[in-house]
Amino acid sequence: MSHNHPKPPEAVVQEVIKYQRPGEKYDIFNTRTQFNESLYYYTTYLRKGNIIGHLIVREDGQVPSFSDAKDILRMAIGINSKFYQFLTLGPRWAYTVDKVWNNQLKRLENMYKKYEVGMPPEIKEAFYDFMRVPQVFLKEQKEIEDAYTKMKKLKKEVSGRGKIADKTVDEQLDSLWDQFFHGKNNQHLIFLQTTESRKKVLRWLSKTIPFWNLPDRWLLFKLKGEHKAMLFSDEEAQDVWEVQDDVTRDNTSEENFREILDETRNPRSTQ
C-alpha cells in the first residue's frame, strides 16, 4: 500500500515486495527523498502494526547497498516522521483557549492585590512564580502555533513540487520541530518549576480567605483545579527534565537510528 497519490512506480513496488517477509505488510511513503540528484522511496515493513523493517528504493527500482542507503535513510526517516508528528500532534498542540490562561493571570493578580497587606515575603515570591505560569504558557504557545503554521506551508510547498523533499526541507523541518517540541516542553517545564510555589500560595490562601467570602473561595477552588491539572507523575516529570538535555536527546536519537539500521533490509553489499 502507499500513503497517498501519486502511486510509486511499479518497479519500486516490485522491489518492495521482494524484500517483504511472510505475514508482513508494507507501507511506501509517498514523499520522495532527493539525494545526489536521484529520488528515493522509503518503505517500512510491519507485523501486527509494529514496524520491523525498513527499505530504501531508488525511483527506477534500483535498491542501493546498505552503506549507500544509510544517509538517505536518515533523511527520509527525519522528513517523513516529522511531517507525521506535526500532522498528528499539531492540531491538538497548536490549539488552546487563550482566555483560560489570561483569566488565570487576572485571578492571581487580583488575589495578590487584595491580600498583599500582611503577606509574608516567601508567599509574595511564590505568587510571582504562580503568575509566571500563564505568562510563559502563552508565550510558548505562540512559538508552537508559529511552527505549526510554517510546517503546513512547507508541507504544501513539498506537495507542489511533486512530493519531493531534499536536505533543505530536512533542515527546515528540524528547526521547526525543535521550536514546536521545545515550546510544548517549556510549557510543561514551567508547570514543574512552579509546583511548590503554587502549593504555597494555595495553602496560604486557604488559611487567609474568610469562609464567608464565597466569591474568593470560588476563585480559590478554580485555582486549585487548575493547579491539579498541571501536576505530573514522577515518570512524566523525568521525561520533561530529560528533554532539556540536548546531549541526552541527541544520543537517544542516535541509539534509535542504530536500531533502525539493524532492521534495514538494503543489501549489505552492492547487488
C-alpha atoms as a PDB file:
ATOM      1  CA  MET A   1       0.000   0.000   0.000  1.00  0.00           C
ATOM      2  CA  SER A   2       1.035   3.656  -0.214  1.00  0.00           C
ATOM      3  CA  HIS A   3       0.057   6.724   1.807  1.00  0.00           C
ATOM      4  CA  ASN A   4      -1.469   8.915  -0.887  1.00  0.00           C
ATOM      5  CA  HIS A   5      -1.351   9.573  -4.596  1.00  0.00           C
ATOM      6  CA  PRO A   6       0.733   9.712  -6.714  1.00  0.00           C
ATOM      7  CA  LYS A   7       1.384   5.996  -6.512  1.00  0.00           C
ATOM      8  CA  PRO A   8       5.004   4.818  -6.542  1.00  0.00           C
ATOM      9  CA  PRO A   9       6.310   3.352  -9.822  1.00  0.00           C
ATOM     10  CA  GLU A  10       5.643  -0.338 -10.376  1.00  0.00           C
ATOM     11  CA  ALA A  11       9.394  -1.010 -10.393  1.00  0.00           C
ATOM     12  CA  VAL A  12       9.583   0.334  -6.830  1.00  0.00           C
ATOM     13  CA  VAL A  13       6.594  -1.713  -5.677  1.00  0.00           C
ATOM     14  CA  GLN A  14       8.063  -4.917  -7.115  1.00  0.00           C
ATOM     15  CA  GLU A  15      11.354  -4.404  -5.271  1.00  0.00           C
ATOM     16  CA  VAL A  16       9.500  -3.674  -2.039  1.00  0.00           C
ATOM     17  CA  ILE A  17       7.579  -6.940  -2.428  1.00  0.00           C
ATOM     18  CA  LYS A  18      10.836  -8.863  -2.969  1.00  0.00           C
ATOM     19  CA  TYR A  19      12.037  -7.805   0.484  1.00  0.00           C
ATOM     20  CA  GLN A  20       8.691  -8.484   2.150  1.00  0.00           C
ATOM     21  CA  ARG A  21       8.558 -11.468   4.518  1.00  0.00           C
ATOM     22  CA  PRO A  22       5.591 -13.770   5.252  1.00  0.00           C
ATOM     23  CA  GLY A  23       2.949 -12.207   7.468  1.00  0.00           C
ATOM     24  CA  GLU A  24       4.162  -8.647   6.846  1.00  0.00           C
ATOM     25  CA  LYS A  25       2.522  -5.590   5.354  1.00  0.00           C
ATOM     26  CA  TYR A  26       4.455  -2.759   3.749  1.00  0.00           C
ATOM     27  CA  ASP A  27       3.963   0.994   3.709  1.00  0.00           C
ATOM     28  CA  ILE A  28       5.575   3.072   0.951  1.00  0.00           C
ATOM     29  CA  PHE A  29       5.799   6.746   1.911  1.00  0.00           C
ATOM     30  CA  ASN A  30       4.915   8.996  -0.990  1.00  0.00           C
ATOM     31  CA  THR A  31       7.238  11.877  -0.059  1.00  0.00           C
ATOM     32  CA  ARG A  32      10.295  11.132  -2.175  1.00  0.00           C
ATOM     33  CA  THR A  33      13.737  11.987  -0.854  1.00  0.00           C
ATOM     34  CA  GLN A  34      16.123  13.741  -3.223  1.00  0.00           C
ATOM     35  CA  PHE A  35      19.739  12.728  -2.638  1.00  0.00           C
ATOM     36  CA  ASN A  36      22.670  13.293  -5.041  1.00  0.00           C
ATOM     37  CA  GLU A  37      20.321  14.156  -7.911  1.00  0.00           C
ATOM     38  CA  SER A  38      18.299  10.935  -7.528  1.00  0.00           C
ATOM     39  CA  LEU A  39      14.876  10.326  -5.980  1.00  0.00           C
ATOM     40  CA  TYR A  40      14.257   7.584  -3.419  1.00  0.00           C
ATOM     41  CA  TYR A  41      11.228   5.992  -1.787  1.00  0.00           C
ATOM     42  CA  TYR A  42      11.230   4.993   1.871  1.00  0.00           C
ATOM     43  CA  THR A  43       9.313   1.873   2.928  1.00  0.00           C
ATOM     44  CA  THR A  44       8.512   0.328   6.294  1.00  0.00           C
ATOM     45  CA  TYR A  45       7.543  -3.298   6.879  1.00  0.00           C
ATOM     46  CA  LEU A  46       5.014  -4.027   9.602  1.00  0.00           C
ATOM     47  CA  ARG A  47       3.756  -7.035  11.518  1.00  0.00           C
ATOM     48  CA  LYS A  48       0.714  -6.604  13.772  1.00  0.00           C
ATOM     49  CA  GLY A  49       1.061  -2.831  13.421  1.00  0.00           C
ATOM     50  CA  ASN A  50       4.688  -2.734  14.582  1.00  0.00           C
ATOM     51  CA  ILE A  51       7.484  -1.535  12.298  1.00  0.00           C
ATOM     52  CA  ILE A  52      10.053  -4.316  11.961  1.00  0.00           C
ATOM     53  CA  GLY A  53      11.889  -3.409   8.757  1.00  0.00           C
ATOM     54  CA  HIS A  54      12.983  -0.548   6.502  1.00  0.00           C
ATOM     55  CA  LEU A  55      13.978  -0.276   2.843  1.00  0.00           C
ATOM     56  CA  ILE A  56      15.236   2.467   0.526  1.00  0.00           C
ATOM     57  CA  VAL A  57      14.483   2.080  -3.202  1.00  0.00           C
ATOM     58  CA  ARG A  58      15.511   4.440  -5.988  1.00  0.00           C
ATOM     59  CA  GLU A  59      12.722   5.708  -8.238  1.00  0.00           C
ATOM     60  CA  ASP A  60      13.869   3.470 -11.106  1.00  0.00           C
ATOM     61  CA  GLY A  61      13.582   0.373  -8.910  1.00  0.00           C
ATOM     62  CA  GLN A  62      17.263   0.032  -8.003  1.00  0.00           C
ATOM     63  CA  VAL A  63      17.942  -0.926  -4.381  1.00  0.00           C
ATOM     64  CA  PRO A  64      21.100   0.810  -3.114  1.00  0.00           C
ATOM     65  CA  SER A  65      23.550  -1.028  -0.903  1.00  0.00           C
ATOM     66  CA  PHE A  66      23.270  -0.676   2.845  1.00  0.00           C
ATOM     67  CA  SER A  67      26.276   1.668   3.024  1.00  0.00           C
ATOM     68  CA  ASP A  68      24.841   3.914   0.288  1.00  0.00           C
ATOM     69  CA  ALA A  69      21.368   3.848   1.835  1.00  0.00           C
ATOM     70  CA  LYS A  70      22.322   4.999   5.347  1.00  0.00           C
ATOM     71  CA  ASP A  71      22.419   8.757   4.679  1.00  0.00           C
ATOM     72  CA  ILE A  72      19.309   8.548   2.504  1.00  0.00           C
ATOM     73  CA  LEU A  73      17.522   6.588   5.219  1.00  0.00           C
ATOM     74  CA  ARG A  74      18.417   9.133   7.893  1.00  0.00           C
ATOM     75  CA  MET A  75      16.996  11.964   5.796  1.00  0.00           C
ATOM     76  CA  ALA A  76      13.902  10.034   4.676  1.00  0.00           C
ATOM     77  CA  ILE A  77      13.004   8.997   8.226  1.00  0.00           C
ATOM     78  CA  GLY A  78      13.600  12.511   9.534  1.00  0.00           C
ATOM     79  CA  ILE A  79      11.381  14.100   6.906  1.00  0.00           C
ATOM     80  CA  ASN A  80       8.541  11.588   6.993  1.00  0.00           C
ATOM     81  CA  SER A  81       8.458  11.127  10.771  1.00  0.00           C
ATOM     82  CA  LYS A  82       8.479  14.871  11.474  1.00  0.00           C
ATOM     83  CA  PHE A  83       5.726  15.547   8.945  1.00  0.00           C
ATOM     84  CA  TYR A  84       3.732  12.717  10.534  1.00  0.00           C
ATOM     85  CA  GLN A  85       4.280  14.004  14.086  1.00  0.00           C
ATOM     86  CA  PHE A  86       3.394  17.556  13.078  1.00  0.00           C
ATOM     87  CA  LEU A  87       0.182  16.441  11.394  1.00  0.00           C
ATOM     88  CA  THR A  88      -0.707  14.161  14.332  1.00  0.00           C
ATOM     89  CA  LEU A  89       0.150  16.460  17.242  1.00  0.00           C
ATOM     90  CA  GLY A  90      -0.188  19.842  15.552  1.00  0.00           C
ATOM     91  CA  PRO A  91      -3.973  20.300  15.617  1.00  0.00           C
ATOM     92  CA  ARG A  92      -4.039  19.474  19.348  1.00  0.00           C
ATOM     93  CA  TRP A  93      -0.880  21.289  20.464  1.00  0.00           C
ATOM     94  CA  ALA A  94      -1.492  24.403  18.379  1.00  0.00           C
ATOM     95  CA  TYR A  95      -4.974  24.862  19.806  1.00  0.00           C
ATOM     96  CA  THR A  96      -5.539  26.442  23.181  1.00  0.00           C
ATOM     97  CA  VAL A  97      -8.067  28.773  24.725  1.00  0.00           C
ATOM     98  CA  ASP A  98      -6.012  31.897  25.486  1.00  0.00           C
ATOM     99  CA  LYS A  99      -8.894  33.233  27.552  1.00  0.00           C
ATOM    100  CA  VAL A 100      -8.387  30.462  30.139  1.00  0.00           C
ATOM    101  CA  TRP A 101      -4.780  31.482  30.777  1.00  0.00           C
ATOM    102  CA  ASN A 102      -5.486  35.221  30.667  1.00  0.00           C
ATOM    103  CA  ASN A 103      -8.268  34.697  33.197  1.00  0.00           C
ATOM    104  CA  GLN A 104      -5.931  32.708  35.434  1.00  0.00           C
ATOM    105  CA  LEU A 105      -3.418  35.565  35.371  1.00  0.00           C
ATOM    106  CA  LYS A 106      -6.133  38.115  36.212  1.00  0.00           C
ATOM    107  CA  ARG A 107      -7.382  35.987  39.122  1.00  0.00           C
ATOM    108  CA  LEU A 108      -3.878  35.703  40.538  1.00  0.00           C
ATOM    109  CA  GLU A 109      -3.179  39.425  40.122  1.00  0.00           C
ATOM    110  CA  ASN A 110      -6.458  40.342  41.811  1.00  0.00           C
ATOM    111  CA  MET A 111      -5.854  37.917  44.673  1.00  0.00           C
ATOM    112  CA  TYR A 112      -2.351  39.278  45.155  1.00  0.00           C
ATOM    113  CA  LYS A 113      -3.532  42.905  45.306  1.00  0.00           C
ATOM    114  CA  LYS A 114      -6.411  42.070  47.623  1.00  0.00           C
ATOM    115  CA  TYR A 115      -4.333  40.104  50.154  1.00  0.00           C
ATOM    116  CA  GLU A 116      -0.943  41.775  49.711  1.00  0.00           C
ATOM    117  CA  VAL A 117      -1.110  43.576  53.068  1.00  0.00           C
ATOM    118  CA  GLY A 118       0.433  41.287  55.652  1.00  0.00           C
ATOM    119  CA  MET A 119       1.562  38.774  53.035  1.00  0.00           C
ATOM    120  CA  PRO A 120       4.877  37.109  54.055  1.00  0.00           C
ATOM    121  CA  PRO A 121       7.826  37.670  51.659  1.00  0.00           C
ATOM    122  CA  GLU A 122       8.049  33.978  50.726  1.00  0.00           C
ATOM    123  CA  ILE A 123       4.363  33.975  49.747  1.00  0.00           C
ATOM    124  CA  LYS A 124       4.868  37.083  47.620  1.00  0.00           C
ATOM    125  CA  GLU A 125       7.702  35.310  45.832  1.00  0.00           C
ATOM    126  CA  ALA A 126       5.541  32.218  45.385  1.00  0.00           C
ATOM    127  CA  PHE A 127       2.744  34.379  43.950  1.00  0.00           C
ATOM    128  CA  TYR A 128       5.145  35.804  41.351  1.00  0.00           C
ATOM    129  CA  ASP A 129       6.135  32.254  40.413  1.00  0.00           C
ATOM    130  CA  PHE A 130       2.491  31.235  40.054  1.00  0.00           C
ATOM    131  CA  MET A 131       1.790  34.282  37.865  1.00  0.00           C
ATOM    132  CA  ARG A 132       4.662  33.279  35.582  1.00  0.00           C
ATOM    133  CA  VAL A 133       2.766  30.128  34.593  1.00  0.00           C
ATOM    134  CA  PRO A 134       0.115  31.720  32.344  1.00  0.00           C
ATOM    135  CA  GLN A 135       2.651  34.255  31.041  1.00  0.00           C
ATOM    136  CA  VAL A 136       5.155  31.601  29.975  1.00  0.00           C
ATOM    137  CA  PHE A 137       2.441  29.260  28.709  1.00  0.00           C
ATOM    138  CA  LEU A 138       1.012  31.901  26.363  1.00  0.00           C
ATOM    139  CA  LYS A 139       4.473  32.960  25.157  1.00  0.00           C
ATOM    140  CA  GLU A 140       5.415  29.375  24.299  1.00  0.00           C
ATOM    141  CA  GLN A 141       2.008  28.781  22.730  1.00  0.00           C
ATOM    142  CA  LYS A 142       2.798  31.452  20.142  1.00  0.00           C
ATOM    143  CA  GLU A 143       6.014  29.548  19.308  1.00  0.00           C
ATOM    144  CA  ILE A 144       4.060  26.304  18.891  1.00  0.00           C
ATOM    145  CA  GLU A 145       1.428  27.907  16.668  1.00  0.00           C
ATOM    146  CA  ASP A 146       4.093  29.656  14.569  1.00  0.00           C
ATOM    147  CA  ALA A 147       5.991  26.387  13.987  1.00  0.00           C
ATOM    148  CA  TYR A 148       2.818  24.507  13.067  1.00  0.00           C
ATOM    149  CA  THR A 149       1.732  27.210  10.610  1.00  0.00           C
ATOM    150  CA  LYS A 150       5.150  27.205   8.920  1.00  0.00           C
ATOM    151  CA  MET A 151       5.165  23.401   8.769  1.00  0.00           C
ATOM    152  CA  LYS A 152       1.810  23.361   6.980  1.00  0.00           C
ATOM    153  CA  LYS A 153       3.169  25.868   4.479  1.00  0.00           C
ATOM    154  CA  LEU A 154       6.287  23.724   3.958  1.00  0.00           C
ATOM    155  CA  LYS A 155       4.142  20.606   3.503  1.00  0.00           C
ATOM    156  CA  LYS A 156       2.144  22.435   0.842  1.00  0.00           C
ATOM    157  CA  GLU A 157       5.341  23.512  -0.931  1.00  0.00           C
ATOM    158  CA  VAL A 158       6.665  19.937  -0.910  1.00  0.00           C
ATOM    159  CA  SER A 159       3.349  18.689  -2.318  1.00  0.00           C
ATOM    160  CA  GLY A 160       3.526  21.373  -5.008  1.00  0.00           C
ATOM    161  CA  ARG A 161       6.928  20.035  -6.072  1.00  0.00           C
ATOM    162  CA  GLY A 162       5.519  16.566  -6.614  1.00  0.00           C
ATOM    163  CA  LYS A 163       6.133  15.426  -3.033  1.00  0.00           C
ATOM    164  CA  ILE A 164       9.913  15.759  -3.325  1.00  0.00           C
ATOM    165  CA  ALA A 165      11.908  16.644  -0.209  1.00  0.00           C
ATOM    166  CA  ASP A 166      15.632  17.352  -0.043  1.00  0.00           C
ATOM    167  CA  LYS A 167      18.266  18.325   2.519  1.00  0.00           C
ATOM    168  CA  THR A 168      16.919  21.886   2.708  1.00  0.00           C
ATOM    169  CA  VAL A 169      13.460  20.597   3.631  1.00  0.00           C
ATOM    170  CA  ASP A 170      15.031  18.262   6.197  1.00  0.00           C
ATOM    171  CA  GLU A 171      16.910  21.160   7.829  1.00  0.00           C
ATOM    172  CA  GLN A 172      13.798  23.377   7.846  1.00  0.00           C
ATOM    173  CA  LEU A 173      11.769  20.603   9.458  1.00  0.00           C
ATOM    174  CA  ASP A 174      14.483  20.068  12.072  1.00  0.00           C
ATOM    175  CA  SER A 175      14.353  23.728  13.031  1.00  0.00           C
ATOM    176  CA  LEU A 176      10.548  23.848  13.118  1.00  0.00           C
ATOM    177  CA  TRP A 177      10.341  20.615  15.104  1.00  0.00           C
ATOM    178  CA  ASP A 178      12.751  21.986  17.720  1.00  0.00           C
ATOM    179  CA  GLN A 179      10.633  25.138  18.012  1.00  0.00           C
ATOM    180  CA  PHE A 180       7.401  23.126  18.166  1.00  0.00           C
ATOM    181  CA  PHE A 181       8.562  20.403  20.560  1.00  0.00           C
ATOM    182  CA  HIS A 182      10.536  22.635  22.920  1.00  0.00           C
ATOM    183  CA  GLY A 183       7.637  25.092  23.048  1.00  0.00           C
ATOM    184  CA  LYS A 184       5.401  22.343  24.406  1.00  0.00           C
ATOM    185  CA  ASN A 185       8.119  21.038  26.712  1.00  0.00           C
ATOM    186  CA  ASN A 186       8.769  24.549  28.076  1.00  0.00           C
ATOM    187  CA  GLN A 187       5.080  24.783  28.941  1.00  0.00           C
ATOM    188  CA  HIS A 188       5.415  21.561  30.895  1.00  0.00           C
ATOM    189  CA  LEU A 189       8.670  22.771  32.438  1.00  0.00           C
ATOM    190  CA  ILE A 190       7.078  25.901  33.915  1.00  0.00           C
ATOM    191  CA  PHE A 191       4.422  23.655  35.483  1.00  0.00           C
ATOM    192  CA  LEU A 192       7.160  21.577  37.125  1.00  0.00           C
ATOM    193  CA  GLN A 193       9.325  24.509  38.191  1.00  0.00           C
ATOM    194  CA  THR A 194       6.455  26.244  39.982  1.00  0.00           C
ATOM    195  CA  THR A 195       4.795  23.247  41.650  1.00  0.00           C
ATOM    196  CA  GLU A 196       5.957  24.041  45.185  1.00  0.00           C
ATOM    197  CA  SER A 197       5.266  27.768  44.781  1.00  0.00           C
ATOM    198  CA  ARG A 198       1.719  27.070  43.658  1.00  0.00           C
ATOM    199  CA  LYS A 199       1.175  24.790  46.651  1.00  0.00           C
ATOM    200  CA  LYS A 200       2.428  27.543  49.000  1.00  0.00           C
ATOM    201  CA  VAL A 201       0.069  30.103  47.500  1.00  0.00           C
ATOM    202  CA  LEU A 202      -2.940  27.796  47.637  1.00  0.00           C
ATOM    203  CA  ARG A 203      -2.260  26.740  51.235  1.00  0.00           C
ATOM    204  CA  TRP A 204      -1.814  30.345  52.310  1.00  0.00           C
ATOM    205  CA  LEU A 205      -4.980  31.500  50.545  1.00  0.00           C
ATOM    206  CA  SER A 206      -6.929  28.597  52.080  1.00  0.00           C
ATOM    207  CA  LYS A 207      -5.984  29.861  55.543  1.00  0.00           C
ATOM    208  CA  THR A 208      -6.361  33.560  54.731  1.00  0.00           C
ATOM    209  CA  ILE A 209      -9.623  33.864  52.778  1.00  0.00           C
ATOM    210  CA  PRO A 210     -12.559  34.087  55.219  1.00  0.00           C
ATOM    211  CA  PHE A 211     -15.053  31.235  54.953  1.00  0.00           C
ATOM    212  CA  TRP A 212     -17.885  33.709  54.493  1.00  0.00           C
ATOM    213  CA  ASN A 213     -16.171  35.240  51.419  1.00  0.00           C
ATOM    214  CA  LEU A 214     -17.812  32.923  48.911  1.00  0.00           C
ATOM    215  CA  PRO A 215     -16.660  34.759  45.727  1.00  0.00           C
ATOM    216  CA  ASP A 216     -12.982  34.476  46.716  1.00  0.00           C
ATOM    217  CA  ARG A 217     -13.490  30.926  47.941  1.00  0.00           C
ATOM    218  CA  TRP A 218     -14.869  30.096  44.491  1.00  0.00           C
ATOM    219  CA  LEU A 219     -11.819  31.677  42.819  1.00  0.00           C
ATOM    220  CA  LEU A 220      -9.577  29.637  45.113  1.00  0.00           C
ATOM    221  CA  PHE A 221     -11.465  26.492  44.116  1.00  0.00           C
ATOM    222  CA  LYS A 222     -10.832  27.342  40.441  1.00  0.00           C
ATOM    223  CA  LEU A 223      -7.117  27.899  41.078  1.00  0.00           C
ATOM    224  CA  LYS A 224      -6.846  24.571  42.898  1.00  0.00           C
ATOM    225  CA  GLY A 225      -8.398  22.793  39.924  1.00  0.00           C
ATOM    226  CA  GLU A 226      -6.005  24.489  37.513  1.00  0.00           C
ATOM    227  CA  HIS A 227      -3.058  23.630  39.750  1.00  0.00           C
ATOM    228  CA  LYS A 228      -4.100  19.975  39.843  1.00  0.00           C
ATOM    229  CA  ALA A 229      -4.249  19.887  36.029  1.00  0.00           C
ATOM    230  CA  MET A 230      -0.571  20.962  35.928  1.00  0.00           C
ATOM    231  CA  LEU A 231       0.720  18.085  38.054  1.00  0.00           C
ATOM    232  CA  PHE A 232       2.791  15.228  36.600  1.00  0.00           C
ATOM    233  CA  SER A 233       3.595  11.700  37.649  1.00  0.00           C
ATOM    234  CA  ASP A 234       7.251  11.056  38.552  1.00  0.00           C
ATOM    235  CA  GLU A 235       7.831   9.337  35.206  1.00  0.00           C
ATOM    236  CA  GLU A 236       6.247  12.184  33.239  1.00  0.00           C
ATOM    237  CA  ALA A 237       8.294  14.741  35.160  1.00  0.00           C
ATOM    238  CA  GLN A 238      11.508  12.849  34.410  1.00  0.00           C
ATOM    239  CA  ASP A 239      10.695  12.931  30.684  1.00  0.00           C
ATOM    240  CA  VAL A 240      10.248  16.710  30.799  1.00  0.00           C
ATOM    241  CA  TRP A 241      13.552  17.280  32.591  1.00  0.00           C
ATOM    242  CA  GLU A 242      15.460  14.998  30.212  1.00  0.00           C
ATOM    243  CA  VAL A 243      14.363  16.920  27.130  1.00  0.00           C
ATOM    244  CA  GLN A 244      16.243  19.940  28.476  1.00  0.00           C
ATOM    245  CA  ASP A 245      19.482  17.999  27.996  1.00  0.00           C
ATOM    246  CA  ASP A 246      20.173  18.251  24.274  1.00  0.00           C
ATOM    247  CA  VAL A 247      23.067  15.813  24.539  1.00  0.00           C
ATOM    248  CA  THR A 248      20.796  13.171  26.022  1.00  0.00           C
ATOM    249  CA  ARG A 249      18.233  13.789  23.322  1.00  0.00           C
ATOM    250  CA  ASP A 250      20.836  13.552  20.535  1.00  0.00           C
ATOM    251  CA  ASN A 251      22.300  10.368  21.991  1.00  0.00           C
ATOM    252  CA  THR A 252      18.843   8.858  22.205  1.00  0.00           C
ATOM    253  CA  SER A 253      18.204   9.762  18.555  1.00  0.00           C
ATOM    254  CA  GLU A 254      21.447   8.066  17.535  1.00  0.00           C
ATOM    255  CA  GLU A 255      20.566   4.970  19.541  1.00  0.00           C
ATOM    256  CA  ASN A 256      17.175   4.833  17.832  1.00  0.00           C
ATOM    257  CA  PHE A 257      18.772   5.253  14.412  1.00  0.00           C
ATOM    258  CA  ARG A 258      21.223   2.414  15.096  1.00  0.00           C
ATOM    259  CA  GLU A 259      18.253   0.188  15.921  1.00  0.00           C
ATOM    260  CA  ILE A 260      16.639   1.210  12.631  1.00  0.00           C
ATOM    261  CA  LEU A 261      19.852   0.402  10.751  1.00  0.00           C
ATOM    262  CA  ASP A 262      19.817  -3.080  12.279  1.00  0.00           C
ATOM    263  CA  GLU A 263      16.324  -3.548  10.804  1.00  0.00           C
ATOM    264  CA  THR A 264      17.192  -2.073   7.389  1.00  0.00           C
ATOM    265  CA  ARG A 265      16.941  -4.580   4.539  1.00  0.00           C
ATOM    266  CA  ASN A 266      19.090  -2.891   1.917  1.00  0.00           C
ATOM    267  CA  PRO A 267      21.792  -5.414   0.964  1.00  0.00           C
ATOM    268  CA  ARG A 268      24.997  -5.240   2.976  1.00  0.00           C
ATOM    269  CA  SER A 269      26.973  -5.465  -0.279  1.00  0.00           C
ATOM    270  CA  THR A 270      26.226  -3.997  -3.718  1.00  0.00           C
ATOM    271  CA  GLN A 271      23.942  -6.178  -5.773  1.00  0.00           C
END
